[in-house]
N, C-alpha and C. Protein backbone atom coordinates (compact mmCIF):
# COMPACT_ATOMS: atom_id res chain seq x y z
N UNK A 1 101.48 103.87 35.52
CA UNK A 1 100.30 103.57 36.29
C UNK A 1 100.67 103.28 37.75
N UNK A 2 100.58 102.01 38.18
CA UNK A 2 100.82 101.62 39.57
C UNK A 2 102.21 101.02 39.68
N UNK A 3 102.99 101.52 40.62
CA UNK A 3 104.34 101.00 40.81
C UNK A 3 104.55 100.79 42.31
N UNK A 4 104.91 99.56 42.68
CA UNK A 4 105.18 99.22 44.09
C UNK A 4 106.62 98.78 44.21
N UNK A 5 107.37 99.46 45.07
CA UNK A 5 108.73 99.03 45.37
C UNK A 5 109.20 99.73 46.63
N UNK A 6 110.06 99.06 47.36
CA UNK A 6 110.64 99.59 48.59
C UNK A 6 109.57 100.10 49.55
N UNK A 7 108.51 99.30 49.73
CA UNK A 7 107.42 99.65 50.65
C UNK A 7 106.74 100.97 50.30
N UNK A 8 106.73 101.29 49.00
CA UNK A 8 106.06 102.50 48.53
C UNK A 8 105.14 102.13 47.37
N UNK A 9 104.01 102.80 47.31
CA UNK A 9 103.08 102.63 46.19
C UNK A 9 103.00 103.96 45.46
N UNK A 10 103.27 103.91 44.15
CA UNK A 10 103.26 105.12 43.35
C UNK A 10 102.25 104.94 42.22
N UNK A 11 101.40 105.93 42.01
CA UNK A 11 100.40 105.86 40.95
C UNK A 11 100.60 107.07 40.03
N UNK A 12 100.69 106.78 38.73
CA UNK A 12 100.84 107.84 37.74
C UNK A 12 99.69 107.72 36.76
N UNK A 13 98.96 108.81 36.54
CA UNK A 13 97.82 108.79 35.63
C UNK A 13 98.01 109.90 34.60
N UNK A 14 97.93 109.50 33.30
CA UNK A 14 98.03 110.48 32.22
C UNK A 14 96.61 110.97 31.93
N UNK A 15 96.26 112.12 32.46
CA UNK A 15 94.90 112.63 32.31
C UNK A 15 94.67 113.34 30.98
N UNK A 16 95.74 113.75 30.32
CA UNK A 16 95.59 114.49 29.05
C UNK A 16 94.88 113.64 28.01
N UNK A 17 95.31 112.37 27.86
CA UNK A 17 94.69 111.47 26.89
C UNK A 17 93.23 111.24 27.25
N UNK A 18 92.95 111.06 28.53
CA UNK A 18 91.58 110.83 28.98
C UNK A 18 90.69 112.04 28.67
N UNK A 19 91.23 113.22 28.87
CA UNK A 19 90.46 114.44 28.59
C UNK A 19 90.16 114.56 27.10
N UNK A 20 91.15 114.26 26.26
CA UNK A 20 90.95 114.34 24.80
C UNK A 20 89.88 113.35 24.35
N UNK A 21 89.96 112.10 24.83
CA UNK A 21 88.99 111.10 24.43
C UNK A 21 87.60 111.42 24.98
N UNK A 22 87.56 111.98 26.17
CA UNK A 22 86.27 112.31 26.78
C UNK A 22 85.59 113.47 26.09
N UNK A 23 86.35 114.37 25.50
CA UNK A 23 85.75 115.53 24.83
C UNK A 23 84.92 115.09 23.61
N UNK A 24 85.23 113.94 23.04
CA UNK A 24 84.47 113.42 21.91
C UNK A 24 83.04 113.10 22.36
N UNK A 25 82.87 112.72 23.64
CA UNK A 25 81.55 112.39 24.15
C UNK A 25 80.62 113.59 24.04
N UNK A 26 81.11 114.77 24.28
CA UNK A 26 80.29 115.98 24.18
C UNK A 26 79.82 116.19 22.74
N UNK A 27 80.74 115.99 21.81
CA UNK A 27 80.39 116.14 20.39
C UNK A 27 79.33 115.12 19.99
N UNK A 28 79.49 113.88 20.41
CA UNK A 28 78.53 112.83 20.08
C UNK A 28 77.17 113.11 20.72
N UNK A 29 77.17 113.63 21.92
CA UNK A 29 75.93 113.97 22.62
C UNK A 29 75.17 115.04 21.84
N UNK A 30 75.88 116.07 21.41
CA UNK A 30 75.26 117.16 20.64
C UNK A 30 74.72 116.63 19.30
N UNK A 31 75.48 115.73 18.70
CA UNK A 31 75.05 115.15 17.42
C UNK A 31 73.77 114.34 17.62
N UNK A 32 73.69 113.56 18.73
CA UNK A 32 72.49 112.76 19.01
C UNK A 32 71.29 113.66 19.25
N UNK A 33 71.50 114.79 19.91
CA UNK A 33 70.39 115.72 20.19
C UNK A 33 69.88 116.41 18.93
N UNK A 34 70.73 116.50 17.93
CA UNK A 34 70.31 117.18 16.70
C UNK A 34 69.73 116.21 15.67
N UNK A 35 69.72 114.93 15.97
CA UNK A 35 69.20 113.94 15.01
C UNK A 35 67.70 114.09 14.77
N UNK A 36 67.34 113.89 13.53
CA UNK A 36 65.94 113.84 13.12
C UNK A 36 65.84 112.63 12.20
N UNK A 37 64.89 111.76 12.50
CA UNK A 37 64.73 110.56 11.66
C UNK A 37 63.35 110.63 11.00
N UNK A 38 63.40 110.89 9.67
CA UNK A 38 62.15 110.98 8.92
C UNK A 38 62.16 110.09 7.69
N UNK A 39 63.32 109.48 7.42
CA UNK A 39 63.39 108.58 6.28
C UNK A 39 64.41 107.48 6.55
N UNK A 40 64.51 106.54 5.61
CA UNK A 40 65.39 105.38 5.80
C UNK A 40 66.85 105.78 5.88
N UNK A 41 67.26 106.73 5.07
CA UNK A 41 68.66 107.17 5.07
C UNK A 41 69.03 107.74 6.44
N UNK A 42 68.16 108.58 7.03
CA UNK A 42 68.42 109.15 8.36
C UNK A 42 68.43 108.04 9.41
N UNK A 43 67.56 107.05 9.21
CA UNK A 43 67.51 105.91 10.13
C UNK A 43 68.85 105.16 10.10
N UNK A 44 69.35 104.90 8.91
CA UNK A 44 70.62 104.19 8.74
C UNK A 44 71.78 104.99 9.34
N UNK A 45 71.77 106.31 9.13
CA UNK A 45 72.82 107.17 9.71
C UNK A 45 72.76 107.15 11.24
N UNK A 46 71.53 107.18 11.79
CA UNK A 46 71.35 107.14 13.25
C UNK A 46 71.88 105.82 13.81
N UNK A 47 71.68 104.73 13.05
CA UNK A 47 72.17 103.42 13.48
C UNK A 47 73.70 103.43 13.54
N UNK A 48 74.33 104.04 12.55
CA UNK A 48 75.80 104.14 12.56
C UNK A 48 76.29 105.02 13.73
N UNK A 49 75.60 106.10 13.95
CA UNK A 49 75.97 106.99 15.07
C UNK A 49 75.81 106.24 16.40
N UNK A 50 74.72 105.45 16.53
CA UNK A 50 74.49 104.66 17.75
C UNK A 50 75.64 103.68 17.97
N UNK A 51 76.10 103.02 16.90
CA UNK A 51 77.23 102.09 17.02
C UNK A 51 78.48 102.83 17.47
N UNK A 52 78.68 104.02 16.89
CA UNK A 52 79.85 104.82 17.27
C UNK A 52 79.76 105.25 18.74
N UNK A 53 78.55 105.64 19.18
CA UNK A 53 78.35 106.05 20.59
C UNK A 53 78.66 104.87 21.51
N UNK A 54 78.12 103.71 21.17
CA UNK A 54 78.34 102.52 22.00
C UNK A 54 79.82 102.12 22.01
N UNK A 55 80.47 102.24 20.85
CA UNK A 55 81.90 101.93 20.76
C UNK A 55 82.73 102.88 21.62
N UNK A 56 82.39 104.18 21.54
CA UNK A 56 83.13 105.19 22.33
C UNK A 56 82.90 104.96 23.82
N UNK A 57 81.64 104.58 24.18
CA UNK A 57 81.33 104.30 25.59
C UNK A 57 82.21 103.15 26.08
N UNK A 58 82.27 102.08 25.28
CA UNK A 58 83.07 100.91 25.67
C UNK A 58 84.54 101.29 25.80
N UNK A 59 85.05 102.07 24.84
CA UNK A 59 86.45 102.50 24.86
C UNK A 59 86.77 103.32 26.12
N UNK A 60 85.90 104.30 26.42
CA UNK A 60 86.13 105.16 27.60
C UNK A 60 85.99 104.36 28.90
N UNK A 61 85.02 103.45 28.92
CA UNK A 61 84.83 102.63 30.12
C UNK A 61 86.04 101.74 30.37
N UNK A 62 86.60 101.17 29.29
CA UNK A 62 87.81 100.34 29.43
C UNK A 62 88.98 101.19 29.89
N UNK A 63 89.09 102.39 29.34
CA UNK A 63 90.18 103.28 29.75
C UNK A 63 90.01 103.67 31.23
N UNK A 64 88.77 103.95 31.62
CA UNK A 64 88.49 104.28 33.04
C UNK A 64 88.89 103.12 33.93
N UNK A 65 88.53 101.91 33.52
CA UNK A 65 88.86 100.73 34.32
C UNK A 65 90.37 100.49 34.36
N UNK A 66 91.05 100.80 33.25
CA UNK A 66 92.51 100.69 33.23
C UNK A 66 93.13 101.59 34.29
N UNK A 67 92.54 102.77 34.44
CA UNK A 67 93.05 103.72 35.43
C UNK A 67 92.63 103.32 36.84
N UNK A 68 91.37 102.92 37.00
CA UNK A 68 90.87 102.66 38.36
C UNK A 68 91.30 101.31 38.92
N UNK A 69 91.58 100.33 38.04
CA UNK A 69 91.99 99.01 38.54
C UNK A 69 93.25 99.12 39.41
N UNK A 70 94.28 99.80 38.96
CA UNK A 70 95.46 99.95 39.83
C UNK A 70 95.12 100.70 41.14
N UNK A 71 94.21 101.66 41.02
CA UNK A 71 93.79 102.37 42.24
C UNK A 71 93.08 101.41 43.19
N UNK A 72 92.22 100.55 42.63
CA UNK A 72 91.52 99.57 43.47
C UNK A 72 92.52 98.61 44.12
N UNK A 73 93.50 98.18 43.35
CA UNK A 73 94.54 97.28 43.90
C UNK A 73 95.33 98.00 44.98
N UNK A 74 95.68 99.25 44.72
CA UNK A 74 96.44 100.04 45.71
C UNK A 74 95.60 100.23 46.96
N UNK A 75 94.32 100.54 46.77
CA UNK A 75 93.45 100.74 47.93
C UNK A 75 93.36 99.45 48.74
N UNK A 76 93.20 98.32 48.06
CA UNK A 76 93.11 97.02 48.76
C UNK A 76 94.39 96.78 49.55
N UNK A 77 95.54 97.05 48.94
CA UNK A 77 96.82 96.87 49.64
C UNK A 77 96.93 97.78 50.86
N UNK A 78 96.48 99.01 50.69
CA UNK A 78 96.52 99.96 51.81
C UNK A 78 95.58 99.51 52.92
N UNK A 79 94.38 99.07 52.53
CA UNK A 79 93.42 98.59 53.54
C UNK A 79 94.02 97.41 54.31
N UNK A 80 94.64 96.48 53.60
CA UNK A 80 95.27 95.33 54.25
C UNK A 80 96.43 95.75 55.14
N UNK A 81 97.15 96.77 54.72
CA UNK A 81 98.28 97.26 55.49
C UNK A 81 97.83 97.79 56.86
N UNK A 82 96.66 98.44 56.89
CA UNK A 82 96.19 99.06 58.13
C UNK A 82 95.19 98.20 58.89
N UNK A 83 94.71 97.12 58.28
CA UNK A 83 93.66 96.31 58.90
C UNK A 83 94.08 95.77 60.26
N UNK A 84 95.20 95.06 60.33
CA UNK A 84 95.63 94.44 61.59
C UNK A 84 95.94 95.48 62.66
N UNK A 85 96.71 96.54 62.36
CA UNK A 85 96.97 97.52 63.42
C UNK A 85 95.69 98.19 63.94
N UNK A 86 94.74 98.48 63.02
CA UNK A 86 93.49 99.10 63.45
C UNK A 86 92.68 98.15 64.32
N UNK A 87 92.66 96.87 63.95
CA UNK A 87 91.96 95.88 64.77
C UNK A 87 92.59 95.77 66.15
N UNK A 88 93.93 95.77 66.20
CA UNK A 88 94.62 95.71 67.49
C UNK A 88 94.30 96.93 68.35
N UNK A 89 94.28 98.10 67.72
CA UNK A 89 93.96 99.31 68.46
C UNK A 89 92.51 99.30 68.96
N UNK A 90 91.62 98.77 68.16
CA UNK A 90 90.22 98.64 68.57
C UNK A 90 90.11 97.72 69.78
N UNK A 91 90.81 96.59 69.72
CA UNK A 91 90.81 95.66 70.85
C UNK A 91 91.44 96.29 72.09
N UNK A 92 92.52 97.06 71.89
CA UNK A 92 93.16 97.75 73.01
C UNK A 92 92.20 98.75 73.64
N UNK A 93 91.48 99.48 72.80
CA UNK A 93 90.49 100.45 73.29
C UNK A 93 89.41 99.73 74.11
N UNK A 94 88.90 98.63 73.57
CA UNK A 94 87.87 97.88 74.28
C UNK A 94 88.37 97.36 75.61
N UNK A 95 89.61 96.86 75.65
CA UNK A 95 90.20 96.35 76.89
C UNK A 95 90.33 97.46 77.93
N UNK A 96 90.83 98.61 77.49
CA UNK A 96 91.01 99.74 78.41
C UNK A 96 89.67 100.20 78.94
N UNK A 97 88.68 100.32 78.06
CA UNK A 97 87.34 100.74 78.50
C UNK A 97 86.77 99.74 79.50
N UNK A 98 87.00 98.45 79.25
CA UNK A 98 86.51 97.42 80.16
C UNK A 98 87.16 97.57 81.53
N UNK A 99 88.48 97.78 81.54
CA UNK A 99 89.19 97.96 82.81
C UNK A 99 88.73 99.22 83.54
N UNK A 100 88.53 100.29 82.79
CA UNK A 100 88.05 101.54 83.40
C UNK A 100 86.68 101.34 84.03
N UNK A 101 85.81 100.66 83.31
CA UNK A 101 84.46 100.40 83.81
C UNK A 101 84.51 99.51 85.04
N UNK A 102 85.35 98.47 84.98
CA UNK A 102 85.49 97.56 86.12
C UNK A 102 85.98 98.33 87.36
N UNK A 103 86.96 99.20 87.18
CA UNK A 103 87.49 99.98 88.29
C UNK A 103 86.42 100.93 88.84
N UNK A 104 85.71 101.58 87.93
CA UNK A 104 84.66 102.52 88.36
C UNK A 104 83.58 101.79 89.16
N UNK A 105 83.20 100.61 88.70
CA UNK A 105 82.20 99.83 89.43
C UNK A 105 82.71 99.41 90.81
N UNK A 106 83.99 99.02 90.85
CA UNK A 106 84.59 98.64 92.13
C UNK A 106 84.57 99.83 93.10
N UNK A 107 84.94 101.00 92.61
CA UNK A 107 84.94 102.19 93.46
C UNK A 107 83.52 102.56 93.91
N UNK A 108 82.55 102.39 93.03
CA UNK A 108 81.16 102.65 93.41
C UNK A 108 80.71 101.70 94.50
N UNK A 109 81.10 100.41 94.37
CA UNK A 109 80.73 99.41 95.37
C UNK A 109 81.39 99.75 96.72
N UNK A 110 82.66 100.15 96.67
CA UNK A 110 83.36 100.53 97.90
C UNK A 110 82.70 101.75 98.55
N UNK A 111 82.34 102.71 97.73
CA UNK A 111 81.69 103.91 98.25
C UNK A 111 80.35 103.57 98.88
N UNK A 112 79.60 102.66 98.26
CA UNK A 112 78.32 102.22 98.82
C UNK A 112 78.53 101.54 100.16
N UNK A 113 79.52 100.67 100.24
CA UNK A 113 79.82 99.99 101.50
C UNK A 113 80.22 101.01 102.58
N UNK A 114 81.00 102.00 102.21
CA UNK A 114 81.41 103.03 103.16
C UNK A 114 80.20 103.84 103.64
N UNK A 115 79.29 104.18 102.70
CA UNK A 115 78.08 104.90 103.09
C UNK A 115 77.24 104.06 104.05
N UNK A 116 77.14 102.76 103.78
CA UNK A 116 76.38 101.87 104.68
C UNK A 116 77.04 101.83 106.06
N UNK A 117 78.36 101.71 106.08
CA UNK A 117 79.10 101.66 107.36
C UNK A 117 78.88 102.95 108.14
N UNK A 118 79.01 104.08 107.46
CA UNK A 118 78.82 105.37 108.13
C UNK A 118 77.37 105.54 108.60
N UNK A 119 76.42 105.07 107.80
CA UNK A 119 75.01 105.14 108.18
C UNK A 119 74.77 104.32 109.44
N UNK A 120 75.37 103.13 109.50
CA UNK A 120 75.21 102.26 110.67
C UNK A 120 75.81 102.92 111.91
N UNK A 121 77.00 103.52 111.74
CA UNK A 121 77.62 104.23 112.86
C UNK A 121 76.75 105.40 113.32
N UNK A 122 76.19 106.12 112.36
CA UNK A 122 75.33 107.26 112.70
C UNK A 122 74.09 106.77 113.44
N UNK A 123 73.52 105.67 112.98
CA UNK A 123 72.34 105.11 113.66
C UNK A 123 72.70 104.65 115.07
N UNK A 124 73.87 104.02 115.25
CA UNK A 124 74.30 103.58 116.58
C UNK A 124 74.50 104.78 117.50
N UNK A 125 75.12 105.83 116.96
CA UNK A 125 75.35 107.04 117.75
C UNK A 125 74.02 107.69 118.12
N UNK A 126 73.08 107.71 117.17
CA UNK A 126 71.76 108.28 117.45
C UNK A 126 71.05 107.48 118.53
N UNK A 127 71.16 106.16 118.48
CA UNK A 127 70.55 105.29 119.49
C UNK A 127 71.20 105.54 120.86
N UNK A 128 72.50 105.69 120.87
CA UNK A 128 73.23 105.96 122.12
C UNK A 128 72.75 107.29 122.72
N UNK A 129 72.65 108.31 121.86
CA UNK A 129 72.19 109.62 122.32
C UNK A 129 70.74 109.56 122.81
N UNK A 130 69.90 108.79 122.14
CA UNK A 130 68.51 108.64 122.54
C UNK A 130 68.43 108.00 123.93
N UNK A 131 69.25 106.97 124.17
CA UNK A 131 69.25 106.30 125.47
C UNK A 131 69.73 107.25 126.57
N UNK A 132 70.78 108.03 126.26
CA UNK A 132 71.28 108.99 127.26
C UNK A 132 70.20 110.01 127.62
N UNK A 133 69.50 110.48 126.59
CA UNK A 133 68.43 111.45 126.84
C UNK A 133 67.32 110.81 127.68
N UNK A 134 66.97 109.58 127.35
CA UNK A 134 65.94 108.89 128.12
C UNK A 134 66.37 108.72 129.58
N UNK A 135 67.65 108.39 129.78
CA UNK A 135 68.16 108.24 131.15
C UNK A 135 68.11 109.58 131.89
N UNK A 136 68.48 110.66 131.21
CA UNK A 136 68.43 111.99 131.84
C UNK A 136 67.00 112.35 132.21
N UNK A 137 66.10 112.03 131.28
CA UNK A 137 64.69 112.33 131.56
C UNK A 137 64.22 111.52 132.77
N UNK A 138 64.58 110.25 132.81
CA UNK A 138 64.17 109.39 133.92
C UNK A 138 64.75 109.91 135.23
N UNK A 139 66.01 110.32 135.21
CA UNK A 139 66.64 110.85 136.42
C UNK A 139 65.97 112.15 136.84
N UNK A 140 65.68 112.98 135.82
CA UNK A 140 65.03 114.26 136.15
C UNK A 140 63.65 114.01 136.74
N UNK A 141 62.93 113.06 136.15
CA UNK A 141 61.61 112.74 136.69
C UNK A 141 61.74 112.17 138.10
N UNK A 142 62.72 111.31 138.30
CA UNK A 142 62.93 110.73 139.64
C UNK A 142 63.33 111.83 140.61
N UNK A 143 64.15 112.75 140.15
CA UNK A 143 64.59 113.85 141.00
C UNK A 143 63.40 114.72 141.38
N UNK A 144 62.50 114.95 140.44
CA UNK A 144 61.31 115.74 140.72
C UNK A 144 60.45 115.04 141.78
N UNK A 145 60.36 113.74 141.65
CA UNK A 145 59.57 112.98 142.63
C UNK A 145 60.21 113.08 144.00
N UNK A 146 61.54 112.99 144.04
CA UNK A 146 62.22 113.12 145.33
C UNK A 146 62.00 114.50 145.90
N UNK A 147 62.11 115.49 145.07
CA UNK A 147 61.91 116.86 145.53
C UNK A 147 60.48 117.04 146.05
N UNK A 148 59.53 116.44 145.39
CA UNK A 148 58.15 116.53 145.85
C UNK A 148 58.00 115.84 147.21
N UNK A 149 58.66 114.68 147.35
CA UNK A 149 58.60 113.98 148.65
C UNK A 149 59.23 114.83 149.73
N UNK A 150 60.37 115.40 149.42
CA UNK A 150 61.04 116.24 150.41
C UNK A 150 60.16 117.43 150.79
N UNK A 151 59.53 118.00 149.77
CA UNK A 151 58.64 119.13 150.05
C UNK A 151 57.49 118.69 150.95
N UNK A 152 56.93 117.53 150.61
CA UNK A 152 55.84 117.02 151.44
C UNK A 152 56.30 116.75 152.87
N UNK A 153 57.46 116.14 152.97
CA UNK A 153 58.01 115.87 154.31
C UNK A 153 58.23 117.18 155.08
N UNK A 154 58.73 118.18 154.47
CA UNK A 154 58.98 119.46 155.14
C UNK A 154 57.65 120.10 155.54
N UNK A 155 56.67 119.99 154.63
CA UNK A 155 55.37 120.55 154.96
C UNK A 155 54.79 119.85 156.18
N UNK A 156 54.94 118.54 156.19
CA UNK A 156 54.45 117.78 157.34
C UNK A 156 55.19 118.20 158.62
N UNK A 157 56.49 118.36 158.49
CA UNK A 157 57.27 118.77 159.66
C UNK A 157 56.81 120.14 160.14
N UNK A 158 56.61 121.04 159.20
CA UNK A 158 56.18 122.39 159.56
C UNK A 158 54.79 122.35 160.21
N UNK A 159 53.94 121.52 159.69
CA UNK A 159 52.60 121.42 160.27
C UNK A 159 52.68 120.85 161.68
N UNK A 160 53.58 119.89 161.86
CA UNK A 160 53.73 119.31 163.20
C UNK A 160 54.28 120.36 164.15
N UNK A 161 55.24 121.12 163.64
CA UNK A 161 55.80 122.18 164.48
C UNK A 161 54.72 123.21 164.79
N UNK A 162 53.93 123.52 163.82
CA UNK A 162 52.88 124.49 163.96
C UNK A 162 51.87 123.99 165.01
N UNK A 163 51.58 122.74 164.93
CA UNK A 163 50.63 122.17 165.89
C UNK A 163 51.20 122.18 167.31
N UNK A 164 52.45 121.86 167.37
CA UNK A 164 53.05 121.86 168.71
C UNK A 164 53.14 123.26 169.26
N UNK A 165 53.30 124.22 168.43
CA UNK A 165 53.42 125.61 168.88
C UNK A 165 52.04 126.10 169.27
N UNK A 166 51.05 125.64 168.75
CA UNK A 166 49.72 126.17 169.05
C UNK A 166 49.27 125.56 170.28
């Protein structure tokens, strides 16, 4: 059956005996299906067959448990063998995921700060360009006014010259 030694678990199951005993169940099933109870004698025979069926069930169930109990023990031992390492690996996975998430959030925050900084610089540059354009416009408008004054002055001079010539 179950043998544990040198950090090894070995299970040996003799299935031939189980198969032989289990084949009787088929015979008993067929016998139960063919039963007819019409008198006391048939009733008494059916009662004996029922006892035999229940006895065979108990025998096979005990044999099944004899086989499965060592398997259950082996499974429990195997589960215990892997429980701690699997728990440690789960905790390691959680720790790594936490660190990855923390790093990703940090990088997102840094990127947001950089976008804000660049946006502020762009706004400052746009304001600077707007002021330069306004200054150019003001100078151009002032220059136009000067040119108009000069034109007016020249017209006046020409008119004075014209008057003196006439």
